Amino acid sequence: MSYESKFKREDIDELFEAVLTLRDQEDCYRFFEDICTVNEIHAIAQRLQVAKLLSEKKTYTEIEALTKASTATISRINKCLTYGADGYKRVLERLQEKKDEE
């Protein structure tokens, strides 16, 4: 792994290894329903939608209306897209590639 996260710890490594074992959407639903609260799942999904809309050049007002995310959340995600670890960008690119293949 060429990227070194500032959050790197053995227990987080194990969590990510567990996520990498998930084989399909059903596995994801089962695992995330057990490991997260409903609000945590909604918050994570909302953040991904905000990142997607920001990458589509939507305005904060449009994003707030579509996702109900606060402007503080939108701003934080925008900062991640600009100065972060490229996690959102990598995932959004892969999702788009998968969509293009369909």
PDB file of N, CA and C in Angstrom:
ATOM      1  N   MET A   1       0.850  -1.174   0.000  1.00  0.00           N
ATOM      2  CA  MET A   1       0.000   0.000   0.000  1.00  0.00           C
ATOM      3  C   MET A   1       0.896   1.237   0.000  1.00  0.00           C
ATOM      4  N   SER A   2       0.801   2.037  -1.027  1.00  0.00           N
ATOM      5  CA  SER A   2       1.647   3.223  -1.126  1.00  0.00           C
ATOM      6  C   SER A   2       1.093   4.392  -0.320  1.00  0.00           C
ATOM      7  N   TYR A   3      -0.187   4.384  -0.040  1.00  0.00           N
ATOM      8  CA  TYR A   3      -0.808   5.459   0.731  1.00  0.00           C
ATOM      9  C   TYR A   3      -0.775   5.107   2.215  1.00  0.00           C
ATOM     10  N   GLU A   4      -0.316   6.008   3.039  1.00  0.00           N
ATOM     11  CA  GLU A   4      -0.295   5.799   4.486  1.00  0.00           C
ATOM     12  C   GLU A   4      -1.302   6.728   5.150  1.00  0.00           C
ATOM     13  N   SER A   5      -2.379   6.168   5.640  1.00  0.00           N
ATOM     14  CA  SER A   5      -3.431   6.938   6.289  1.00  0.00           C
ATOM     15  C   SER A   5      -2.981   7.432   7.654  1.00  0.00           C
ATOM     16  N   LYS A   6      -3.456   8.611   8.018  1.00  0.00           N
ATOM     17  CA  LYS A   6      -3.180   9.127   9.361  1.00  0.00           C
ATOM     18  C   LYS A   6      -4.014   8.390  10.410  1.00  0.00           C
ATOM     19  N   PHE A   7      -4.975   7.588   9.972  1.00  0.00           N
ATOM     20  CA  PHE A   7      -5.823   6.820  10.891  1.00  0.00           C
ATOM     21  C   PHE A   7      -5.378   5.371  11.022  1.00  0.00           C
ATOM     22  N   LYS A   8      -4.305   4.985  10.379  1.00  0.00           N
ATOM     23  CA  LYS A   8      -3.900   3.579  10.307  1.00  0.00           C
ATOM     24  C   LYS A   8      -3.658   2.992  11.692  1.00  0.00           C
ATOM     25  N   ARG A   9      -4.398   1.919  11.932  1.00  0.00           N
ATOM     26  CA  ARG A   9      -4.252   1.125  13.164  1.00  0.00           C
ATOM     27  C   ARG A   9      -4.597  -0.317  12.829  1.00  0.00           C
ATOM     28  N   GLU A  10      -4.149  -1.227  13.660  1.00  0.00           N
ATOM     29  CA  GLU A  10      -4.384  -2.648  13.416  1.00  0.00           C
ATOM     30  C   GLU A  10      -5.877  -2.985  13.409  1.00  0.00           C
ATOM     31  N   ASP A  11      -6.651  -2.408  14.328  1.00  0.00           N
ATOM     32  CA  ASP A  11      -8.075  -2.728  14.367  1.00  0.00           C
ATOM     33  C   ASP A  11      -8.808  -2.173  13.138  1.00  0.00           C
ATOM     34  N   ILE A  12      -8.364  -1.036  12.630  1.00  0.00           N
ATOM     35  CA  ILE A  12      -8.969  -0.477  11.416  1.00  0.00           C
ATOM     36  C   ILE A  12      -8.569  -1.321  10.208  1.00  0.00           C
ATOM     37  N   ASP A  13      -7.322  -1.787  10.186  1.00  0.00           N
ATOM     38  CA  ASP A  13      -6.902  -2.712   9.129  1.00  0.00           C
ATOM     39  C   ASP A  13      -7.829  -3.923   9.089  1.00  0.00           C
ATOM     40  N   GLU A  14      -8.133  -4.466  10.263  1.00  0.00           N
ATOM     41  CA  GLU A  14      -8.995  -5.650  10.331  1.00  0.00           C
ATOM     42  C   GLU A  14     -10.420  -5.328   9.860  1.00  0.00           C
ATOM     43  N   LEU A  15     -10.920  -4.151  10.221  1.00  0.00           N
ATOM     44  CA  LEU A  15     -12.238  -3.734   9.746  1.00  0.00           C
ATOM     45  C   LEU A  15     -12.252  -3.690   8.224  1.00  0.00           C
ATOM     46  N   PHE A  16     -11.249  -3.066   7.621  1.00  0.00           N
ATOM     47  CA  PHE A  16     -11.212  -2.950   6.168  1.00  0.00           C
ATOM     48  C   PHE A  16     -11.024  -4.310   5.498  1.00  0.00           C
ATOM     49  N   GLU A  17     -10.254  -5.180   6.115  1.00  0.00           N
ATOM     50  CA  GLU A  17     -10.136  -6.543   5.590  1.00  0.00           C
ATOM     51  C   GLU A  17     -11.501  -7.240   5.624  1.00  0.00           C
ATOM     52  N   ALA A  18     -12.267  -7.003   6.673  1.00  0.00           N
ATOM     53  CA  ALA A  18     -13.618  -7.575   6.760  1.00  0.00           C
ATOM     54  C   ALA A  18     -14.497  -7.033   5.637  1.00  0.00           C
ATOM     55  N   VAL A  19     -14.438  -5.733   5.392  1.00  0.00           N
ATOM     56  CA  VAL A  19     -15.231  -5.126   4.312  1.00  0.00           C
ATOM     57  C   VAL A  19     -14.844  -5.738   2.967  1.00  0.00           C
ATOM     58  N   LEU A  20     -13.565  -5.969   2.761  1.00  0.00           N
ATOM     59  CA  LEU A  20     -13.099  -6.543   1.503  1.00  0.00           C
ATOM     60  C   LEU A  20     -13.562  -7.983   1.292  1.00  0.00           C
ATOM     61  N   THR A  21     -14.045  -8.642   2.349  1.00  0.00           N
ATOM     62  CA  THR A  21     -14.569 -10.004   2.181  1.00  0.00           C
ATOM     63  C   THR A  21     -16.022 -10.012   1.709  1.00  0.00           C
ATOM     64  N   LEU A  22     -16.691  -8.876   1.739  1.00  0.00           N
ATOM     65  CA  LEU A  22     -18.095  -8.813   1.333  1.00  0.00           C
ATOM     66  C   LEU A  22     -18.201  -9.105  -0.153  1.00  0.00           C
ATOM     67  N   ARG A  23     -19.111 -10.014  -0.506  1.00  0.00           N
ATOM     68  CA  ARG A  23     -19.165 -10.496  -1.887  1.00  0.00           C
ATOM     69  C   ARG A  23     -20.239  -9.843  -2.737  1.00  0.00           C
ATOM     70  N   ASP A  24     -21.302  -9.362  -2.095  1.00  0.00           N
ATOM     71  CA  ASP A  24     -22.399  -8.795  -2.873  1.00  0.00           C
ATOM     72  C   ASP A  24     -23.190  -7.821  -2.002  1.00  0.00           C
ATOM     73  N   GLN A  25     -24.228  -7.233  -2.600  1.00  0.00           N
ATOM     74  CA  GLN A  25     -25.011  -6.239  -1.894  1.00  0.00           C
ATOM     75  C   GLN A  25     -25.699  -6.828  -0.655  1.00  0.00           C
ATOM     76  N   GLU A  26     -26.135  -8.073  -0.753  1.00  0.00           N
ATOM     77  CA  GLU A  26     -26.758  -8.701   0.415  1.00  0.00           C
ATOM     78  C   GLU A  26     -25.767  -8.803   1.570  1.00  0.00           C
ATOM     79  N   ASP A  27     -24.537  -9.229   1.287  1.00  0.00           N
ATOM     80  CA  ASP A  27     -23.488  -9.260   2.316  1.00  0.00           C
ATOM     81  C   ASP A  27     -23.310  -7.879   2.941  1.00  0.00           C
ATOM     82  N   CYS A  28     -23.315  -6.842   2.093  1.00  0.00           N
ATOM     83  CA  CYS A  28     -23.129  -5.474   2.584  1.00  0.00           C
ATOM     84  C   CYS A  28     -24.270  -5.072   3.509  1.00  0.00           C
ATOM     85  N   TYR A  29     -25.505  -5.319   3.079  1.00  0.00           N
ATOM     86  CA  TYR A  29     -26.645  -4.982   3.932  1.00  0.00           C
ATOM     87  C   TYR A  29     -26.552  -5.705   5.271  1.00  0.00           C
ATOM     88  N   ARG A  30     -26.261  -6.995   5.229  1.00  0.00           N
ATOM     89  CA  ARG A  30     -26.198  -7.779   6.474  1.00  0.00           C
ATOM     90  C   ARG A  30     -25.106  -7.254   7.409  1.00  0.00           C
ATOM     91  N   PHE A  31     -23.918  -7.020   6.859  1.00  0.00           N
ATOM     92  CA  PHE A  31     -22.790  -6.571   7.679  1.00  0.00           C
ATOM     93  C   PHE A  31     -23.024  -5.168   8.217  1.00  0.00           C
ATOM     94  N   PHE A  32     -23.399  -4.237   7.340  1.00  0.00           N
ATOM     95  CA  PHE A  32     -23.570  -2.862   7.786  1.00  0.00           C
ATOM     96  C   PHE A  32     -24.761  -2.686   8.721  1.00  0.00           C
ATOM     97  N   GLU A  33     -25.815  -3.491   8.552  1.00  0.00           N
ATOM     98  CA  GLU A  33     -26.930  -3.431   9.502  1.00  0.00           C
ATOM     99  C   GLU A  33     -26.483  -3.876  10.889  1.00  0.00           C
ATOM    100  N   ASP A  34     -25.544  -4.799  10.952  1.00  0.00           N
ATOM    101  CA  ASP A  34     -25.034  -5.269  12.241  1.00  0.00           C
ATOM    102  C   ASP A  34     -24.006  -4.321  12.843  1.00  0.00           C
ATOM    103  N   ILE A  35     -23.173  -3.727  12.022  1.00  0.00           N
ATOM    104  CA  ILE A  35     -22.046  -2.954  12.550  1.00  0.00           C
ATOM    105  C   ILE A  35     -22.359  -1.469  12.739  1.00  0.00           C
ATOM    106  N   CYS A  36     -23.358  -0.958  12.021  1.00  0.00           N
ATOM    107  CA  CYS A  36     -23.707   0.464  12.088  1.00  0.00           C
ATOM    108  C   CYS A  36     -25.144   0.647  12.568  1.00  0.00           C
ATOM    109  N   THR A  37     -25.409   1.818  13.094  1.00  0.00           N
ATOM    110  CA  THR A  37     -26.806   2.174  13.362  1.00  0.00           C
ATOM    111  C   THR A  37     -27.437   2.612  12.034  1.00  0.00           C
ATOM    112  N   VAL A  38     -28.753   2.655  12.006  1.00  0.00           N
ATOM    113  CA  VAL A  38     -29.455   3.119  10.810  1.00  0.00           C
ATOM    114  C   VAL A  38     -29.010   4.542  10.476  1.00  0.00           C
ATOM    115  N   ASN A  39     -28.888   5.400  11.484  1.00  0.00           N
ATOM    116  CA  ASN A  39     -28.462   6.781  11.243  1.00  0.00           C
ATOM    117  C   ASN A  39     -27.049   6.860  10.670  1.00  0.00           C
ATOM    118  N   GLU A  40     -26.153   5.983  11.126  1.00  0.00           N
ATOM    119  CA  GLU A  40     -24.789   5.970  10.588  1.00  0.00           C
ATOM    120  C   GLU A  40     -24.783   5.562   9.115  1.00  0.00           C
ATOM    121  N   ILE A  41     -25.579   4.552   8.768  1.00  0.00           N
ATOM    122  CA  ILE A  41     -25.672   4.121   7.373  1.00  0.00           C
ATOM    123  C   ILE A  41     -26.230   5.249   6.515  1.00  0.00           C
ATOM    124  N   HIS A  42     -27.290   5.904   7.003  1.00  0.00           N
ATOM    125  CA  HIS A  42     -27.878   7.022   6.257  1.00  0.00           C
ATOM    126  C   HIS A  42     -26.862   8.153   6.079  1.00  0.00           C
ATOM    127  N   ALA A  43     -26.104   8.454   7.122  1.00  0.00           N
ATOM    128  CA  ALA A  43     -25.115   9.537   7.052  1.00  0.00           C
ATOM    129  C   ALA A  43     -24.020   9.219   6.035  1.00  0.00           C
ATOM    130  N   ILE A  44     -23.552   7.989   6.021  1.00  0.00           N
ATOM    131  CA  ILE A  44     -22.511   7.580   5.073  1.00  0.00           C
ATOM    132  C   ILE A  44     -23.048   7.648   3.646  1.00  0.00           C
ATOM    133  N   ALA A  45     -24.265   7.140   3.445  1.00  0.00           N
ATOM    134  CA  ALA A  45     -24.879   7.177   2.114  1.00  0.00           C
ATOM    135  C   ALA A  45     -25.086   8.624   1.665  1.00  0.00           C
ATOM    136  N   GLN A  46     -25.510   9.485   2.586  1.00  0.00           N
ATOM    137  CA  GLN A  46     -25.716  10.890   2.265  1.00  0.00           C
ATOM    138  C   GLN A  46     -24.402  11.542   1.835  1.00  0.00           C
ATOM    139  N   ARG A  47     -23.326  11.250   2.548  1.00  0.00           N
ATOM    140  CA  ARG A  47     -22.024  11.828   2.204  1.00  0.00           C
ATOM    141  C   ARG A  47     -21.581  11.425   0.804  1.00  0.00           C
ATOM    142  N   LEU A  48     -21.813  10.167   0.459  1.00  0.00           N
ATOM    143  CA  LEU A  48     -21.450   9.716  -0.885  1.00  0.00           C
ATOM    144  C   LEU A  48     -22.288  10.445  -1.932  1.00  0.00           C
ATOM    145  N   GLN A  49     -23.573  10.623  -1.664  1.00  0.00           N
ATOM    146  CA  GLN A  49     -24.432  11.348  -2.610  1.00  0.00           C
ATOM    147  C   GLN A  49     -23.981  12.803  -2.750  1.00  0.00           C
ATOM    148  N   VAL A  50     -23.617  13.423  -1.645  1.00  0.00           N
ATOM    149  CA  VAL A  50     -23.120  14.798  -1.696  1.00  0.00           C
ATOM    150  C   VAL A  50     -21.848  14.862  -2.542  1.00  0.00           C
ATOM    151  N   ALA A  51     -20.936  13.932  -2.332  1.00  0.00           N
ATOM    152  CA  ALA A  51     -19.695  13.908  -3.112  1.00  0.00           C
ATOM    153  C   ALA A  51     -20.002  13.729  -4.596  1.00  0.00           C
ATOM    154  N   LYS A  52     -20.930  12.867  -4.910  1.00  0.00           N
ATOM    155  CA  LYS A  52     -21.324  12.636  -6.299  1.00  0.00           C
ATOM    156  C   LYS A  52     -21.879  13.921  -6.908  1.00  0.00           C
ATOM    157  N   LEU A  53     -22.773  14.584  -6.196  1.00  0.00           N
ATOM    158  CA  LEU A  53     -23.375  15.815  -6.705  1.00  0.00           C
ATOM    159  C   LEU A  53     -22.347  16.942  -6.834  1.00  0.00           C
ATOM    160  N   LEU A  54     -21.427  17.033  -5.883  1.00  0.00           N
ATOM    161  CA  LEU A  54     -20.350  18.024  -5.997  1.00  0.00           C
ATOM    162  C   LEU A  54     -19.493  17.751  -7.228  1.00  0.00           C
ATOM    163  N   SER A  55     -19.208  16.483  -7.480  1.00  0.00           N
ATOM    164  CA  SER A  55     -18.393  16.137  -8.652  1.00  0.00           C
ATOM    165  C   SER A  55     -19.142  16.427  -9.950  1.00  0.00           C
ATOM    166  N   GLU A  56     -20.479  16.485  -9.872  1.00  0.00           N
ATOM    167  CA  GLU A  56     -21.305  16.853 -11.029  1.00  0.00           C
ATOM    168  C   GLU A  56     -21.506  18.369 -11.118  1.00  0.00           C
ATOM    169  N   LYS A  57     -20.794  19.102 -10.257  1.00  0.00           N
ATOM    170  CA  LYS A  57     -20.812  20.574 -10.247  1.00  0.00           C
ATOM    171  C   LYS A  57     -22.158  21.171  -9.838  1.00  0.00           C
ATOM    172  N   LYS A  58     -22.907  20.450  -9.019  1.00  0.00           N
ATOM    173  CA  LYS A  58     -24.150  20.999  -8.474  1.00  0.00           C
ATOM    174  C   LYS A  58     -23.802  22.052  -7.422  1.00  0.00           C
ATOM    175  N   THR A  59     -24.704  23.000  -7.218  1.00  0.00           N
ATOM    176  CA  THR A  59     -24.484  24.041  -6.220  1.00  0.00           C
ATOM    177  C   THR A  59     -24.826  23.519  -4.832  1.00  0.00           C
ATOM    178  N   TYR A  60     -24.317  24.211  -3.817  1.00  0.00           N
ATOM    179  CA  TYR A  60     -24.647  23.838  -2.441  1.00  0.00           C
ATOM    180  C   TYR A  60     -26.154  23.848  -2.231  1.00  0.00           C
ATOM    181  N   THR A  61     -26.842  24.841  -2.795  1.00  0.00           N
ATOM    182  CA  THR A  61     -28.295  24.953  -2.639  1.00  0.00           C
ATOM    183  C   THR A  61     -28.997  23.749  -3.260  1.00  0.00           C
ATOM    184  N   GLU A  62     -28.568  23.353  -4.438  1.00  0.00           N
ATOM    185  CA  GLU A  62     -29.153  22.176  -5.090  1.00  0.00           C
ATOM    186  C   GLU A  62     -28.891  20.913  -4.269  1.00  0.00           C
ATOM    187  N   ILE A  63     -27.668  20.780  -3.792  1.00  0.00           N
ATOM    188  CA  ILE A  63     -27.293  19.593  -3.020  1.00  0.00           C
ATOM    189  C   ILE A  63     -28.063  19.538  -1.712  1.00  0.00           C
ATOM    190  N   GLU A  64     -28.182  20.674  -1.053  1.00  0.00           N
ATOM    191  CA  GLU A  64     -28.937  20.744   0.202  1.00  0.00           C
ATOM    192  C   GLU A  64     -30.385  20.328  -0.030  1.00  0.00           C
ATOM    193  N   ALA A  65     -30.986  20.792  -1.118  1.00  0.00           N
ATOM    194  CA  ALA A  65     -32.374  20.447  -1.424  1.00  0.00           C
ATOM    195  C   ALA A  65     -32.534  18.966  -1.758  1.00  0.00           C
ATOM    196  N   LEU A  66     -31.583  18.414  -2.495  1.00  0.00           N
ATOM    197  CA  LEU A  66     -31.676  17.015  -2.919  1.00  0.00           C
ATOM    198  C   LEU A  66     -31.368  16.023  -1.805  1.00  0.00           C
ATOM    199  N   THR A  67     -30.397  16.359  -0.943  1.00  0.00           N
ATOM    200  CA  THR A  67     -29.912  15.386   0.050  1.00  0.00           C
ATOM    201  C   THR A  67     -30.305  15.696   1.483  1.00  0.00           C
ATOM    202  N   LYS A  68     -30.739  16.931   1.723  1.00  0.00           N
ATOM    203  CA  LYS A  68     -31.036  17.413   3.086  1.00  0.00           C
ATOM    204  C   LYS A  68     -29.776  17.507   3.948  1.00  0.00           C
ATOM    205  N   ALA A  69     -28.610  17.473   3.311  1.00  0.00           N
ATOM    206  CA  ALA A  69     -27.353  17.636   4.038  1.00  0.00           C
ATOM    207  C   ALA A  69     -27.182  19.101   4.416  1.00  0.00           C
ATOM    208  N   SER A  70     -26.548  19.339   5.547  1.00  0.00           N
ATOM    209  CA  SER A  70     -26.280  20.715   5.965  1.00  0.00           C
ATOM    210  C   SER A  70     -25.175  21.304   5.096  1.00  0.00           C
ATOM    211  N   THR A  71     -25.129  22.621   5.044  1.00  0.00           N
ATOM    212  CA  THR A  71     -24.053  23.267   4.280  1.00  0.00           C
ATOM    213  C   THR A  71     -22.687  22.952   4.902  1.00  0.00           C
ATOM    214  N   ALA A  72     -22.654  22.737   6.205  1.00  0.00           N
ATOM    215  CA  ALA A  72     -21.390  22.364   6.854  1.00  0.00           C
ATOM    216  C   ALA A  72     -20.909  21.001   6.350  1.00  0.00           C
ATOM    217  N   THR A  73     -21.827  20.053   6.221  1.00  0.00           N
ATOM    218  CA  THR A  73     -21.482  18.725   5.695  1.00  0.00           C
ATOM    219  C   THR A  73     -21.030  18.832   4.249  1.00  0.00           C
ATOM    220  N   ILE A  74     -21.771  19.584   3.457  1.00  0.00           N
ATOM    221  CA  ILE A  74     -21.416  19.763   2.050  1.00  0.00           C
ATOM    222  C   ILE A  74     -20.030  20.383   1.936  1.00  0.00           C
ATOM    223  N   SER A  75     -19.761  21.395   2.737  1.00  0.00           N
ATOM    224  CA  SER A  75     -18.464  22.063   2.726  1.00  0.00           C
ATOM    225  C   SER A  75     -17.342  21.108   3.121  1.00  0.00           C
ATOM    226  N   ARG A  76     -17.578  20.307   4.144  1.00  0.00           N
ATOM    227  CA  ARG A  76     -16.562  19.350   4.598  1.00  0.00           C
ATOM    228  C   ARG A  76     -16.243  18.339   3.498  1.00  0.00           C
ATOM    229  N   ILE A  77     -17.282  17.863   2.807  1.00  0.00           N
ATOM    230  CA  ILE A  77     -17.071  16.889   1.735  1.00  0.00           C
ATOM    231  C   ILE A  77     -16.372  17.549   0.550  1.00  0.00           C
ATOM    232  N   ASN A  78     -16.732  18.787   0.264  1.00  0.00           N
ATOM    233  CA  ASN A  78     -16.051  19.520  -0.805  1.00  0.00           C
ATOM    234  C   ASN A  78     -14.566  19.673  -0.490  1.00  0.00           C
ATOM    235  N   LYS A  79     -14.251  19.939   0.765  1.00  0.00           N
ATOM    236  CA  LYS A  79     -12.848  20.040   1.194  1.00  0.00           C
ATOM    237  C   LYS A  79     -12.134  18.700   0.990  1.00  0.00           C
ATOM    238  N   CYS A  80     -12.815  17.600   1.308  1.00  0.00           N
ATOM    239  CA  CYS A  80     -12.224  16.270   1.085  1.00  0.00           C
ATOM    240  C   CYS A  80     -11.969  16.022  -0.396  1.00  0.00           C
ATOM    241  N   LEU A  81     -12.912  16.434  -1.239  1.00  0.00           N
ATOM    242  CA  LEU A  81     -12.732  16.247  -2.683  1.00  0.00           C
ATOM    243  C   LEU A  81     -11.552  17.058  -3.202  1.00  0.00           C
ATOM    244  N   THR A  82     -11.316  18.204  -2.604  1.00  0.00           N
ATOM    245  CA  THR A  82     -10.243  19.084  -3.060  1.00  0.00           C
ATOM    246  C   THR A  82      -8.895  18.744  -2.430  1.00  0.00           C
ATOM    247  N   TYR A  83      -8.887  18.488  -1.130  1.00  0.00           N
ATOM    248  CA  TYR A  83      -7.625  18.330  -0.409  1.00  0.00           C
ATOM    249  C   TYR A  83      -7.463  16.970   0.271  1.00  0.00           C
ATOM    250  N   GLY A  84      -8.420  16.085   0.102  1.00  0.00           N
ATOM    251  CA  GLY A  84      -8.415  14.828   0.846  1.00  0.00           C
ATOM    252  C   GLY A  84      -7.540  13.752   0.238  1.00  0.00           C
ATOM    253  N   ALA A  85      -7.837  12.521   0.628  1.00  0.00           N
ATOM    254  CA  ALA A  85      -7.035  11.363   0.247  1.00  0.00           C
ATOM    255  C   ALA A  85      -7.480  10.735  -1.074  1.00  0.00           C
ATOM    256  N   ASP A  86      -8.397  11.393  -1.786  1.00  0.00           N
ATOM    257  CA  ASP A  86      -8.929  10.912  -3.072  1.00  0.00           C
ATOM    258  C   ASP A  86      -9.803   9.672  -2.942  1.00  0.00           C
ATOM    259  N   GLY A  87     -10.276   9.379  -1.740  1.00  0.00           N
ATOM    260  CA  GLY A  87     -11.157   8.234  -1.549  1.00  0.00           C
ATOM    261  C   GLY A  87     -12.468   8.382  -2.283  1.00  0.00           C
ATOM    262  N   TYR A  88     -13.112   9.533  -2.128  1.00  0.00           N
ATOM    263  CA  TYR A  88     -14.369   9.770  -2.848  1.00  0.00           C
ATOM    264  C   TYR A  88     -14.136   9.686  -4.355  1.00  0.00           C
ATOM    265  N   LYS A  89     -13.091  10.352  -4.836  1.00  0.00           N
ATOM    266  CA  LYS A  89     -12.825  10.387  -6.275  1.00  0.00           C
ATOM    267  C   LYS A  89     -12.641   8.984  -6.836  1.00  0.00           C
ATOM    268  N   ARG A  90     -11.877   8.168  -6.139  1.00  0.00           N
ATOM    269  CA  ARG A  90     -11.615   6.809  -6.613  1.00  0.00           C
ATOM    270  C   ARG A  90     -12.902   5.996  -6.687  1.00  0.00           C
ATOM    271  N   VAL A  91     -13.714   6.091  -5.644  1.00  0.00           N
ATOM    272  CA  VAL A  91     -14.963   5.328  -5.614  1.00  0.00           C
ATOM    273  C   VAL A  91     -15.938   5.839  -6.670  1.00  0.00           C
ATOM    274  N   LEU A  92     -16.064   7.155  -6.789  1.00  0.00           N
ATOM    275  CA  LEU A  92     -16.986   7.711  -7.783  1.00  0.00           C
ATOM    276  C   LEU A  92     -16.556   7.344  -9.207  1.00  0.00           C
ATOM    277  N   GLU A  93     -15.264   7.357  -9.478  1.00  0.00           N
ATOM    278  CA  GLU A  93     -14.772   6.943 -10.794  1.00  0.00           C
ATOM    279  C   GLU A  93     -15.104   5.482 -11.065  1.00  0.00           C
ATOM    280  N   ARG A  94     -14.919   4.631 -10.070  1.00  0.00           N
ATOM    281  CA  ARG A  94     -15.200   3.200 -10.244  1.00  0.00           C
ATOM    282  C   ARG A  94     -16.693   2.947 -10.423  1.00  0.00           C
ATOM    283  N   LEU A  95     -17.517   3.675  -9.685  1.00  0.00           N
ATOM    284  CA  LEU A  95     -18.964   3.543  -9.859  1.00  0.00           C
ATOM    285  C   LEU A  95     -19.384   3.981 -11.259  1.00  0.00           C
ATOM    286  N   GLN A  96     -18.775   5.050 -11.763  1.00  0.00           N
ATOM    287  CA  GLN A  96     -19.097   5.517 -13.113  1.00  0.00           C
ATOM    288  C   GLN A  96     -18.646   4.507 -14.154  1.00  0.00           C
ATOM    289  N   GLU A  97     -17.452   3.938 -13.974  1.00  0.00           N
ATOM    290  CA  GLU A  97     -16.963   2.918 -14.895  1.00  0.00           C
ATOM    291  C   GLU A  97     -17.910   1.726 -14.922  1.00  0.00           C
ATOM    292  N   LYS A  98     -18.366   1.310 -13.741  1.00  0.00           N
ATOM    293  CA  LYS A  98     -19.298   0.175 -13.655  1.00  0.00           C
ATOM    294  C   LYS A  98     -20.607   0.517 -14.363  1.00  0.00           C
ATOM    295  N   LYS A  99     -21.093   1.729 -14.168  1.00  0.00           N
ATOM    296  CA  LYS A  99     -22.337   2.175 -14.810  1.00  0.00           C
ATOM    297  C   LYS A  99     -22.156   2.200 -16.336  1.00  0.00           C
ATOM    298  N   ASP A 100     -21.015   2.657 -16.803  1.00  0.00           N
ATOM    299  CA  ASP A 100     -20.737   2.733 -18.251  1.00  0.00           C
ATOM    300  C   ASP A 100     -20.679   1.351 -18.888  1.00  0.00           C
ATOM    301  N   GLU A 101     -20.260   0.346 -18.120  1.00  0.00           N
ATOM    302  CA  GLU A 101     -20.165  -1.022 -18.628  1.00  0.00           C
ATOM    303  C   GLU A 101     -21.531  -1.683 -18.779  1.00  0.00           C
ATOM    304  N   GLU A 102     -22.518  -1.170 -18.050  1.00  0.00           N
ATOM    305  CA  GLU A 102     -23.851  -1.798 -18.071  1.00  0.00           C
ATOM    306  C   GLU A 102     -24.627  -1.470 -19.314  1.00  0.00           C
TER     307      GLU A 102
END
